[in-house]
Amino acid sequence: TEHCALSFRDDADTRVVIFTGAGKHFSSGADLVDFPDELAQPLVVRRRRFRIGERALHAMLGIDQITIAAWNGGAIGGGACLATAADFRIGDSHCFIQYPEIDLGMNLMWQSLPLTVHLLGPTRAKRLVIGGERVHAETLRDWGLLEDVVPPAALLSTARTFAATYVNKSPAAAQMIKRSINQVMGAL
């Protein structure tokens, strides 16, 4: 994600970027099973390794172009962090969010807690992050996290239609406004 996000830095032609999952789900984040020896590593090494997600989140937030998450299926843990880092989110009717970190004895990393609180408010953020609740598409739309919920077959076309509004705006003005809003909410 970090490399992809940084690739837009010098791209003057792209005005909107749509992110979606390649398979059944948007993103399940990092699979902690992939790090079986992690607890044997010194804490400083573990923190450095896990900061890759933080760098990816900051890179996503730092994309100058308007970003849209075409949210298919689950966005879990780090994947949820990335979905919430998009400027807008269109979800398919099967999409959901879940932060399972609490059940693994972990806190929400990547500095995404402030972003979650800003998007959902403190009570809903607590339900997600402390409660570890799985929240589905219709509720996410009711909470204002999703712009729209559509059938899976219409997800990308709906995201492209939504993007068309922003493609026709002045890119310099849109990008300055986006950066200002992100600074006001403390996301960057």
N, C-alpha and C. Protein backbone atom coordinates (compact mmCIF):
# COMPACT_ATOMS: atom_id res chain seq x y z
N THR A 1 0.82 -1.19 0.00
CA THR A 1 0.00 0.00 0.00
C THR A 1 0.86 1.25 0.00
N GLU A 2 1.93 1.24 0.82
CA GLU A 2 2.78 2.43 0.91
C GLU A 2 3.39 2.76 -0.44
N HIS A 3 3.95 1.75 -1.11
CA HIS A 3 4.56 1.97 -2.42
C HIS A 3 3.53 2.47 -3.43
N CYS A 4 2.35 1.87 -3.43
CA CYS A 4 1.28 2.27 -4.33
C CYS A 4 0.89 3.73 -4.08
N ALA A 5 0.70 4.07 -2.82
CA ALA A 5 0.30 5.44 -2.47
C ALA A 5 1.35 6.45 -2.91
N LEU A 6 2.60 6.12 -2.68
CA LEU A 6 3.67 7.04 -3.05
C LEU A 6 3.81 7.19 -4.56
N SER A 7 3.35 6.20 -5.31
CA SER A 7 3.46 6.28 -6.77
C SER A 7 2.59 7.39 -7.36
N PHE A 8 1.63 7.89 -6.61
CA PHE A 8 0.76 8.97 -7.10
C PHE A 8 1.34 10.35 -6.84
N ARG A 9 2.43 10.42 -6.09
CA ARG A 9 3.00 11.70 -5.67
C ARG A 9 3.28 12.64 -6.84
N ASP A 10 3.86 12.14 -7.91
CA ASP A 10 4.23 12.98 -9.05
C ASP A 10 3.28 12.81 -10.23
N ASP A 11 2.13 12.22 -10.00
CA ASP A 11 1.14 11.96 -11.05
C ASP A 11 0.19 13.16 -11.14
N ALA A 12 0.37 13.96 -12.18
CA ALA A 12 -0.46 15.15 -12.35
C ALA A 12 -1.76 14.86 -13.09
N ASP A 13 -1.88 13.68 -13.68
CA ASP A 13 -3.07 13.37 -14.47
C ASP A 13 -4.18 12.68 -13.68
N THR A 14 -3.81 11.87 -12.69
CA THR A 14 -4.80 11.14 -11.92
C THR A 14 -5.45 12.08 -10.90
N ARG A 15 -6.77 12.10 -10.88
CA ARG A 15 -7.48 12.98 -9.95
C ARG A 15 -8.21 12.22 -8.85
N VAL A 16 -8.58 10.97 -9.14
CA VAL A 16 -9.28 10.13 -8.17
C VAL A 16 -8.69 8.72 -8.24
N VAL A 17 -8.51 8.11 -7.07
CA VAL A 17 -7.98 6.75 -6.99
C VAL A 17 -9.01 5.89 -6.27
N ILE A 18 -9.37 4.77 -6.88
CA ILE A 18 -10.32 3.83 -6.28
C ILE A 18 -9.55 2.60 -5.83
N PHE A 19 -9.72 2.25 -4.55
CA PHE A 19 -9.10 1.05 -3.99
C PHE A 19 -10.19 0.01 -3.74
N THR A 20 -9.91 -1.25 -4.05
CA THR A 20 -10.83 -2.33 -3.74
C THR A 20 -10.02 -3.60 -3.48
N GLY A 21 -10.66 -4.57 -2.87
CA GLY A 21 -10.01 -5.85 -2.63
C GLY A 21 -9.97 -6.68 -3.89
N ALA A 22 -8.93 -7.48 -4.03
CA ALA A 22 -8.78 -8.31 -5.23
C ALA A 22 -9.62 -9.58 -5.15
N GLY A 23 -10.04 -9.96 -3.97
CA GLY A 23 -10.79 -11.20 -3.82
C GLY A 23 -12.13 -10.95 -3.18
N LYS A 24 -12.48 -11.83 -2.27
CA LYS A 24 -13.78 -11.78 -1.60
C LYS A 24 -13.87 -10.61 -0.61
N HIS A 25 -12.73 -10.18 -0.08
CA HIS A 25 -12.72 -9.15 0.95
C HIS A 25 -11.85 -7.96 0.56
N PHE A 26 -12.17 -6.82 1.14
CA PHE A 26 -11.38 -5.61 0.92
C PHE A 26 -9.96 -5.83 1.43
N SER A 27 -9.82 -6.18 2.71
CA SER A 27 -8.51 -6.51 3.27
C SER A 27 -8.70 -7.04 4.68
N SER A 28 -7.96 -8.09 4.98
CA SER A 28 -8.01 -8.64 6.33
C SER A 28 -6.84 -8.17 7.17
N GLY A 29 -6.04 -7.25 6.64
CA GLY A 29 -4.89 -6.75 7.38
C GLY A 29 -3.81 -7.80 7.48
N ALA A 30 -2.95 -7.65 8.45
CA ALA A 30 -1.84 -8.59 8.63
C ALA A 30 -2.33 -9.83 9.37
N ASP A 31 -1.90 -10.97 8.90
CA ASP A 31 -2.21 -12.22 9.59
C ASP A 31 -1.11 -12.47 10.60
N LEU A 32 -1.45 -12.35 11.86
CA LEU A 32 -0.44 -12.47 12.91
C LEU A 32 0.14 -13.87 13.01
N VAL A 33 -0.49 -14.85 12.37
CA VAL A 33 0.05 -16.20 12.32
C VAL A 33 1.33 -16.20 11.47
N ASP A 34 1.45 -15.21 10.59
CA ASP A 34 2.66 -15.11 9.76
C ASP A 34 3.89 -14.72 10.56
N PHE A 35 3.71 -14.38 11.84
CA PHE A 35 4.82 -13.94 12.69
C PHE A 35 4.95 -14.85 13.91
N PRO A 36 5.14 -16.17 13.73
CA PRO A 36 5.14 -17.08 14.88
C PRO A 36 6.28 -16.83 15.86
N ASP A 37 7.41 -16.32 15.39
CA ASP A 37 8.54 -16.07 16.27
C ASP A 37 8.57 -14.65 16.81
N GLU A 38 7.52 -13.91 16.55
CA GLU A 38 7.51 -12.49 16.88
C GLU A 38 7.73 -12.22 18.36
N LEU A 39 7.12 -12.99 19.24
CA LEU A 39 7.28 -12.74 20.67
C LEU A 39 8.70 -12.99 21.15
N ALA A 40 9.47 -13.76 20.41
CA ALA A 40 10.86 -14.01 20.79
C ALA A 40 11.77 -12.83 20.42
N GLN A 41 11.26 -11.95 19.57
CA GLN A 41 12.05 -10.80 19.14
C GLN A 41 12.00 -9.70 20.20
N PRO A 42 13.06 -8.90 20.30
CA PRO A 42 13.03 -7.75 21.22
C PRO A 42 11.88 -6.80 20.85
N LEU A 43 11.33 -6.16 21.84
CA LEU A 43 10.20 -5.25 21.64
C LEU A 43 10.51 -4.19 20.58
N VAL A 44 11.69 -3.65 20.58
CA VAL A 44 12.04 -2.60 19.63
C VAL A 44 11.97 -3.13 18.19
N VAL A 45 12.38 -4.37 17.97
CA VAL A 45 12.31 -4.97 16.63
C VAL A 45 10.85 -5.21 16.24
N ARG A 46 10.06 -5.71 17.17
CA ARG A 46 8.64 -5.94 16.88
C ARG A 46 7.95 -4.64 16.51
N ARG A 47 8.22 -3.57 17.24
CA ARG A 47 7.57 -2.27 16.95
C ARG A 47 7.97 -1.77 15.57
N ARG A 48 9.23 -1.94 15.21
CA ARG A 48 9.67 -1.49 13.89
C ARG A 48 8.97 -2.27 12.78
N ARG A 49 8.84 -3.57 12.96
CA ARG A 49 8.17 -4.40 11.94
C ARG A 49 6.71 -4.00 11.78
N PHE A 50 6.04 -3.79 12.89
CA PHE A 50 4.61 -3.47 12.81
C PHE A 50 4.35 -2.03 12.38
N ARG A 51 5.37 -1.21 12.35
CA ARG A 51 5.18 0.17 11.90
C ARG A 51 4.98 0.23 10.39
N ILE A 52 5.18 -0.87 9.68
CA ILE A 52 4.93 -0.87 8.25
C ILE A 52 3.46 -0.51 7.97
N GLY A 53 2.57 -0.99 8.83
CA GLY A 53 1.15 -0.65 8.69
C GLY A 53 0.91 0.83 8.93
N GLU A 54 1.57 1.38 9.93
CA GLU A 54 1.45 2.82 10.21
C GLU A 54 1.93 3.63 9.02
N ARG A 55 3.03 3.23 8.42
CA ARG A 55 3.54 3.94 7.24
C ARG A 55 2.56 3.82 6.08
N ALA A 56 1.96 2.65 5.92
CA ALA A 56 0.97 2.48 4.85
C ALA A 56 -0.24 3.37 5.08
N LEU A 57 -0.71 3.45 6.32
CA LEU A 57 -1.85 4.30 6.64
C LEU A 57 -1.53 5.77 6.35
N HIS A 58 -0.37 6.22 6.79
CA HIS A 58 0.01 7.61 6.54
C HIS A 58 0.19 7.88 5.06
N ALA A 59 0.73 6.91 4.32
CA ALA A 59 0.87 7.09 2.88
C ALA A 59 -0.50 7.20 2.22
N MET A 60 -1.45 6.38 2.66
CA MET A 60 -2.81 6.44 2.11
C MET A 60 -3.45 7.79 2.42
N LEU A 61 -3.32 8.23 3.66
CA LEU A 61 -3.87 9.53 4.04
C LEU A 61 -3.19 10.67 3.28
N GLY A 62 -1.94 10.46 2.91
CA GLY A 62 -1.18 11.51 2.25
C GLY A 62 -1.34 11.56 0.74
N ILE A 63 -2.10 10.66 0.16
CA ILE A 63 -2.34 10.73 -1.28
C ILE A 63 -3.06 12.03 -1.57
N ASP A 64 -2.51 12.82 -2.47
CA ASP A 64 -3.12 14.12 -2.79
C ASP A 64 -4.46 13.96 -3.50
N GLN A 65 -4.55 12.96 -4.37
CA GLN A 65 -5.78 12.75 -5.12
C GLN A 65 -6.91 12.29 -4.18
N ILE A 66 -8.13 12.48 -4.61
CA ILE A 66 -9.29 11.99 -3.87
C ILE A 66 -9.24 10.47 -3.89
N THR A 67 -9.49 9.84 -2.75
CA THR A 67 -9.47 8.38 -2.67
C THR A 67 -10.85 7.84 -2.30
N ILE A 68 -11.19 6.75 -2.94
CA ILE A 68 -12.47 6.09 -2.71
C ILE A 68 -12.18 4.61 -2.44
N ALA A 69 -12.73 4.09 -1.36
CA ALA A 69 -12.66 2.65 -1.10
C ALA A 69 -13.93 2.03 -1.66
N ALA A 70 -13.77 1.15 -2.65
CA ALA A 70 -14.87 0.33 -3.15
C ALA A 70 -14.81 -0.92 -2.29
N TRP A 71 -15.54 -0.90 -1.19
CA TRP A 71 -15.39 -1.82 -0.07
C TRP A 71 -16.18 -3.09 -0.30
N ASN A 72 -15.48 -4.13 -0.69
CA ASN A 72 -16.10 -5.44 -0.90
C ASN A 72 -15.79 -6.34 0.28
N GLY A 73 -16.79 -6.98 0.82
CA GLY A 73 -16.58 -7.93 1.91
C GLY A 73 -16.00 -7.30 3.15
N GLY A 74 -15.14 -8.05 3.83
CA GLY A 74 -14.61 -7.61 5.11
C GLY A 74 -13.43 -6.67 5.02
N ALA A 75 -13.40 -5.74 5.96
CA ALA A 75 -12.23 -4.90 6.22
C ALA A 75 -11.95 -5.12 7.70
N ILE A 76 -10.90 -5.89 7.97
CA ILE A 76 -10.64 -6.38 9.32
C ILE A 76 -9.28 -5.88 9.78
N GLY A 77 -9.19 -5.43 11.03
CA GLY A 77 -7.92 -5.00 11.59
C GLY A 77 -7.27 -3.92 10.75
N GLY A 78 -6.05 -4.20 10.30
CA GLY A 78 -5.33 -3.25 9.46
C GLY A 78 -6.07 -2.92 8.18
N GLY A 79 -6.81 -3.86 7.65
CA GLY A 79 -7.62 -3.59 6.46
C GLY A 79 -8.71 -2.57 6.73
N ALA A 80 -9.27 -2.61 7.94
CA ALA A 80 -10.27 -1.61 8.34
C ALA A 80 -9.61 -0.24 8.46
N CYS A 81 -8.39 -0.23 8.95
CA CYS A 81 -7.66 1.04 9.05
C CYS A 81 -7.49 1.67 7.67
N LEU A 82 -7.15 0.85 6.68
CA LEU A 82 -6.97 1.36 5.33
C LEU A 82 -8.29 1.83 4.71
N ALA A 83 -9.36 1.08 4.93
CA ALA A 83 -10.67 1.48 4.39
C ALA A 83 -11.11 2.82 4.97
N THR A 84 -10.88 3.02 6.26
CA THR A 84 -11.29 4.28 6.88
C THR A 84 -10.38 5.43 6.49
N ALA A 85 -9.19 5.14 5.97
CA ALA A 85 -8.28 6.20 5.55
C ALA A 85 -8.66 6.80 4.20
N ALA A 86 -9.54 6.14 3.46
CA ALA A 86 -10.00 6.70 2.18
C ALA A 86 -10.87 7.92 2.45
N ASP A 87 -10.94 8.80 1.46
CA ASP A 87 -11.78 9.99 1.61
C ASP A 87 -13.26 9.63 1.61
N PHE A 88 -13.62 8.64 0.80
CA PHE A 88 -15.00 8.20 0.69
C PHE A 88 -15.02 6.68 0.62
N ARG A 89 -16.15 6.10 1.00
CA ARG A 89 -16.29 4.65 0.98
C ARG A 89 -17.67 4.27 0.42
N ILE A 90 -17.65 3.41 -0.59
CA ILE A 90 -18.87 2.82 -1.15
C ILE A 90 -18.77 1.34 -0.78
N GLY A 91 -19.81 0.79 -0.16
CA GLY A 91 -19.75 -0.60 0.26
C GLY A 91 -20.69 -1.49 -0.50
N ASP A 92 -20.28 -2.74 -0.68
CA ASP A 92 -21.23 -3.70 -1.23
C ASP A 92 -22.09 -4.21 -0.06
N SER A 93 -23.19 -4.83 -0.38
CA SER A 93 -24.15 -5.24 0.65
C SER A 93 -23.59 -6.30 1.60
N HIS A 94 -22.45 -6.89 1.27
CA HIS A 94 -21.82 -7.89 2.13
C HIS A 94 -20.67 -7.33 2.96
N CYS A 95 -20.40 -6.04 2.83
CA CYS A 95 -19.22 -5.51 3.51
C CYS A 95 -19.45 -5.40 5.02
N PHE A 96 -18.34 -5.46 5.74
CA PHE A 96 -18.37 -5.30 7.19
C PHE A 96 -17.01 -4.82 7.67
N ILE A 97 -16.99 -4.33 8.89
CA ILE A 97 -15.76 -3.88 9.53
C ILE A 97 -15.63 -4.61 10.86
N GLN A 98 -14.39 -4.89 11.23
CA GLN A 98 -14.14 -5.47 12.55
C GLN A 98 -12.69 -5.22 12.93
N TYR A 99 -12.51 -4.83 14.18
CA TYR A 99 -11.17 -4.68 14.75
C TYR A 99 -10.99 -5.79 15.78
N PRO A 100 -10.36 -6.91 15.42
CA PRO A 100 -10.22 -8.04 16.35
C PRO A 100 -9.05 -7.90 17.33
N GLU A 101 -8.33 -6.80 17.27
CA GLU A 101 -7.13 -6.65 18.09
C GLU A 101 -7.40 -6.88 19.57
N ILE A 102 -8.54 -6.40 20.07
CA ILE A 102 -8.86 -6.53 21.50
C ILE A 102 -8.87 -7.98 21.93
N ASP A 103 -9.37 -8.86 21.09
CA ASP A 103 -9.45 -10.29 21.43
C ASP A 103 -8.10 -10.99 21.33
N LEU A 104 -7.12 -10.28 20.78
CA LEU A 104 -5.75 -10.79 20.72
C LEU A 104 -4.88 -10.14 21.79
N GLY A 105 -5.52 -9.34 22.64
CA GLY A 105 -4.79 -8.66 23.71
C GLY A 105 -3.95 -7.49 23.22
N MET A 106 -4.38 -6.91 22.08
CA MET A 106 -3.62 -5.81 21.48
C MET A 106 -4.47 -4.55 21.43
N ASN A 107 -3.80 -3.41 21.36
CA ASN A 107 -4.51 -2.17 21.11
C ASN A 107 -4.56 -1.91 19.61
N LEU A 108 -5.40 -0.99 19.20
CA LEU A 108 -5.48 -0.62 17.79
C LEU A 108 -4.25 0.22 17.46
N MET A 109 -3.47 -0.26 16.52
CA MET A 109 -2.21 0.40 16.18
C MET A 109 -2.39 1.29 14.96
N TRP A 110 -1.28 1.73 14.45
CA TRP A 110 -1.17 2.51 13.22
C TRP A 110 -1.73 3.90 13.36
N GLN A 111 -1.94 4.37 14.56
CA GLN A 111 -2.48 5.70 14.81
C GLN A 111 -3.83 5.89 14.12
N SER A 112 -4.57 4.81 13.98
CA SER A 112 -5.86 4.91 13.31
C SER A 112 -7.00 5.14 14.29
N LEU A 113 -6.74 5.06 15.58
CA LEU A 113 -7.80 5.32 16.55
C LEU A 113 -8.36 6.74 16.40
N PRO A 114 -7.52 7.78 16.30
CA PRO A 114 -8.09 9.12 16.11
C PRO A 114 -8.97 9.22 14.86
N LEU A 115 -8.56 8.55 13.79
CA LEU A 115 -9.34 8.56 12.56
C LEU A 115 -10.70 7.91 12.79
N THR A 116 -10.72 6.78 13.47
CA THR A 116 -11.97 6.08 13.76
C THR A 116 -12.89 6.93 14.63
N VAL A 117 -12.33 7.58 15.62
CA VAL A 117 -13.13 8.45 16.50
C VAL A 117 -13.71 9.62 15.71
N HIS A 118 -12.90 10.23 14.84
CA HIS A 118 -13.39 11.36 14.03
C HIS A 118 -14.51 10.93 13.08
N LEU A 119 -14.37 9.75 12.50
CA LEU A 119 -15.37 9.30 11.54
C LEU A 119 -16.67 8.85 12.20
N LEU A 120 -16.57 8.21 13.38
CA LEU A 120 -17.73 7.55 13.96
C LEU A 120 -18.19 8.14 15.30
N GLY A 121 -17.35 8.92 15.93
CA GLY A 121 -17.66 9.42 17.27
C GLY A 121 -17.15 8.45 18.32
N PRO A 122 -17.03 8.93 19.55
CA PRO A 122 -16.40 8.11 20.59
C PRO A 122 -17.17 6.84 20.96
N THR A 123 -18.48 6.89 21.03
CA THR A 123 -19.25 5.71 21.44
C THR A 123 -19.16 4.59 20.42
N ARG A 124 -19.34 4.93 19.15
CA ARG A 124 -19.25 3.90 18.11
C ARG A 124 -17.82 3.39 17.95
N ALA A 125 -16.84 4.26 18.11
CA ALA A 125 -15.45 3.83 18.06
C ALA A 125 -15.17 2.84 19.19
N LYS A 126 -15.72 3.09 20.36
CA LYS A 126 -15.53 2.16 21.48
C LYS A 126 -16.20 0.82 21.20
N ARG A 127 -17.38 0.84 20.59
CA ARG A 127 -18.05 -0.42 20.24
C ARG A 127 -17.19 -1.24 19.30
N LEU A 128 -16.58 -0.57 18.33
CA LEU A 128 -15.75 -1.28 17.36
C LEU A 128 -14.42 -1.73 17.96
N VAL A 129 -13.73 -0.82 18.62
CA VAL A 129 -12.35 -1.10 19.02
C VAL A 129 -12.27 -1.84 20.35
N ILE A 130 -13.08 -1.45 21.33
CA ILE A 130 -13.07 -2.17 22.61
C ILE A 130 -13.95 -3.41 22.54
N GLY A 131 -15.11 -3.27 21.91
CA GLY A 131 -16.04 -4.39 21.82
C GLY A 131 -15.67 -5.41 20.78
N GLY A 132 -14.88 -5.01 19.80
CA GLY A 132 -14.50 -5.93 18.74
C GLY A 132 -15.68 -6.35 17.88
N GLU A 133 -16.76 -5.53 17.90
CA GLU A 133 -17.97 -5.89 17.15
C GLU A 133 -17.72 -5.95 15.65
N ARG A 134 -18.43 -6.83 14.99
CA ARG A 134 -18.47 -6.88 13.53
C ARG A 134 -19.71 -6.09 13.13
N VAL A 135 -19.51 -5.03 12.36
CA VAL A 135 -20.61 -4.15 11.97
C VAL A 135 -20.76 -4.22 10.45
N HIS A 136 -21.99 -4.43 10.01
CA HIS A 136 -22.28 -4.70 8.60
C HIS A 136 -22.74 -3.46 7.84
N ALA A 137 -22.87 -3.62 6.54
CA ALA A 137 -23.07 -2.55 5.57
C ALA A 137 -24.16 -1.55 5.93
N GLU A 138 -25.36 -2.02 6.18
CA GLU A 138 -26.47 -1.09 6.43
C GLU A 138 -26.20 -0.22 7.65
N THR A 139 -25.66 -0.81 8.71
CA THR A 139 -25.33 -0.04 9.90
C THR A 139 -24.20 0.94 9.61
N LEU A 140 -23.22 0.52 8.84
CA LEU A 140 -22.12 1.42 8.47
C LEU A 140 -22.63 2.61 7.68
N ARG A 141 -23.61 2.39 6.82
CA ARG A 141 -24.21 3.52 6.09
C ARG A 141 -24.98 4.41 7.06
N ASP A 142 -25.76 3.80 7.96
CA ASP A 142 -26.50 4.59 8.94
C ASP A 142 -25.57 5.42 9.82
N TRP A 143 -24.40 4.88 10.11
CA TRP A 143 -23.42 5.59 10.93
C TRP A 143 -22.68 6.67 10.15
N GLY A 144 -22.84 6.69 8.83
CA GLY A 144 -22.17 7.69 8.00
C GLY A 144 -20.79 7.28 7.52
N LEU A 145 -20.39 6.04 7.76
CA LEU A 145 -19.08 5.59 7.31
C LEU A 145 -19.08 5.27 5.82
N LEU A 146 -20.22 4.82 5.31
CA LEU A 146 -20.37 4.51 3.88
C LEU A 146 -21.23 5.57 3.21
N GLU A 147 -20.82 5.96 2.03
CA GLU A 147 -21.63 6.90 1.24
C GLU A 147 -22.85 6.19 0.68
N ASP A 148 -22.67 4.91 0.33
CA ASP A 148 -23.75 4.15 -0.28
C ASP A 148 -23.47 2.66 -0.09
N VAL A 149 -24.53 1.87 -0.13
CA VAL A 149 -24.43 0.42 -0.11
C VAL A 149 -25.12 -0.08 -1.37
N VAL A 150 -24.41 -0.92 -2.12
CA VAL A 150 -24.92 -1.39 -3.41
C VAL A 150 -24.70 -2.90 -3.53
N PRO A 151 -25.40 -3.56 -4.45
CA PRO A 151 -25.14 -4.98 -4.68
C PRO A 151 -23.69 -5.17 -5.14
N PRO A 152 -23.09 -6.32 -4.80
CA PRO A 152 -21.69 -6.54 -5.17
C PRO A 152 -21.39 -6.30 -6.65
N ALA A 153 -22.28 -6.68 -7.54
CA ALA A 153 -22.04 -6.52 -8.98
C ALA A 153 -21.99 -5.06 -9.40
N ALA A 154 -22.56 -4.17 -8.59
CA ALA A 154 -22.60 -2.74 -8.94
C ALA A 154 -21.53 -1.92 -8.22
N LEU A 155 -20.69 -2.57 -7.42
CA LEU A 155 -19.75 -1.83 -6.57
C LEU A 155 -18.79 -0.95 -7.38
N LEU A 156 -18.07 -1.51 -8.30
CA LEU A 156 -17.09 -0.72 -9.04
C LEU A 156 -17.73 0.33 -9.93
N SER A 157 -18.83 0.00 -10.56
CA SER A 157 -19.48 1.01 -11.42
C SER A 157 -20.03 2.16 -10.57
N THR A 158 -20.54 1.86 -9.39
CA THR A 158 -21.02 2.91 -8.50
C THR A 158 -19.87 3.78 -8.02
N ALA A 159 -18.75 3.15 -7.68
CA ALA A 159 -17.57 3.91 -7.24
C ALA A 159 -17.07 4.81 -8.37
N ARG A 160 -17.08 4.31 -9.60
CA ARG A 160 -16.64 5.12 -10.74
C ARG A 160 -17.60 6.29 -10.99
N THR A 161 -18.90 6.05 -10.85
CA THR A 161 -19.87 7.13 -11.01
C THR A 161 -19.66 8.18 -9.92
N PHE A 162 -19.45 7.74 -8.70
CA PHE A 162 -19.18 8.65 -7.59
C PHE A 162 -17.90 9.44 -7.87
N ALA A 163 -16.88 8.78 -8.39
CA ALA A 163 -15.60 9.43 -8.69
C ALA A 163 -15.74 10.50 -9.76
N ALA A 164 -16.68 10.31 -10.69
CA ALA A 164 -16.83 11.26 -11.79
C ALA A 164 -17.09 12.67 -11.30
N THR A 165 -17.77 12.82 -10.19
CA THR A 165 -18.02 14.15 -9.63
C THR A 165 -16.71 14.85 -9.30
N TYR A 166 -15.76 14.11 -8.77
CA TYR A 166 -14.50 14.69 -8.31
C TYR A 166 -13.47 14.81 -9.42
N VAL A 167 -13.59 14.00 -10.44
CA VAL A 167 -12.68 14.08 -11.58
C VAL A 167 -12.81 15.44 -12.27
N ASN A 168 -13.99 16.00 -12.26
CA ASN A 168 -14.24 17.25 -12.97
C ASN A 168 -13.99 18.50 -12.12
N LYS A 169 -13.51 18.34 -10.92
CA LYS A 169 -13.19 19.49 -10.07
C LYS A 169 -11.75 19.92 -10.31
N SER A 170 -11.45 21.15 -9.99
CA SER A 170 -10.08 21.64 -10.11
C SER A 170 -9.17 20.80 -9.22
N PRO A 171 -8.18 20.10 -9.81
CA PRO A 171 -7.34 19.22 -8.98
C PRO A 171 -6.55 19.98 -7.92
N ALA A 172 -6.02 21.12 -8.25
CA ALA A 172 -5.24 21.87 -7.25
C ALA A 172 -6.11 22.29 -6.08
N ALA A 173 -7.30 22.82 -6.39
CA ALA A 173 -8.20 23.25 -5.31
C ALA A 173 -8.69 22.06 -4.49
N ALA A 174 -9.08 20.99 -5.17
CA ALA A 174 -9.58 19.80 -4.45
C ALA A 174 -8.51 19.24 -3.52
N GLN A 175 -7.28 19.18 -4.00
CA GLN A 175 -6.21 18.62 -3.20
C GLN A 175 -5.85 19.52 -2.02
N MET A 176 -5.89 20.83 -2.21
CA MET A 176 -5.62 21.74 -1.09
C MET A 176 -6.72 21.65 -0.04
N ILE A 177 -7.97 21.56 -0.49
CA ILE A 177 -9.09 21.43 0.45
C ILE A 177 -8.99 20.11 1.21
N LYS A 178 -8.70 19.04 0.51
CA LYS A 178 -8.55 17.73 1.16
C LYS A 178 -7.47 17.78 2.23
N ARG A 179 -6.31 18.32 1.90
CA ARG A 179 -5.21 18.40 2.86
C ARG A 179 -5.61 19.27 4.06
N SER A 180 -6.30 20.37 3.81
CA SER A 180 -6.72 21.24 4.91
C SER A 180 -7.70 20.53 5.84
N ILE A 181 -8.67 19.82 5.26
CA ILE A 181 -9.64 19.08 6.08
C ILE A 181 -8.92 18.02 6.89
N ASN A 182 -7.99 17.28 6.29
CA ASN A 182 -7.26 16.26 7.02
C ASN A 182 -6.44 16.87 8.16
N GLN A 183 -5.88 18.04 7.94
CA GLN A 183 -5.12 18.69 9.01
C GLN A 183 -6.03 19.14 10.13
N VAL A 184 -7.21 19.66 9.78
CA VAL A 184 -8.15 20.12 10.79
C VAL A 184 -8.59 18.95 11.68
N MET A 185 -8.84 17.81 11.08
CA MET A 185 -9.28 16.66 11.88
C MET A 185 -8.13 15.90 12.50
N GLY A 186 -6.90 16.34 12.24
CA GLY A 186 -5.74 15.74 12.89
C GLY A 186 -5.33 14.41 12.31
N ALA A 187 -5.79 14.10 11.08
CA ALA A 187 -5.48 12.80 10.50
C ALA A 187 -4.04 12.71 10.00
N LEU A 188 -3.41 13.82 9.73
CA LEU A 188 -2.03 13.78 9.23
C LEU A 188 -1.09 14.40 10.22
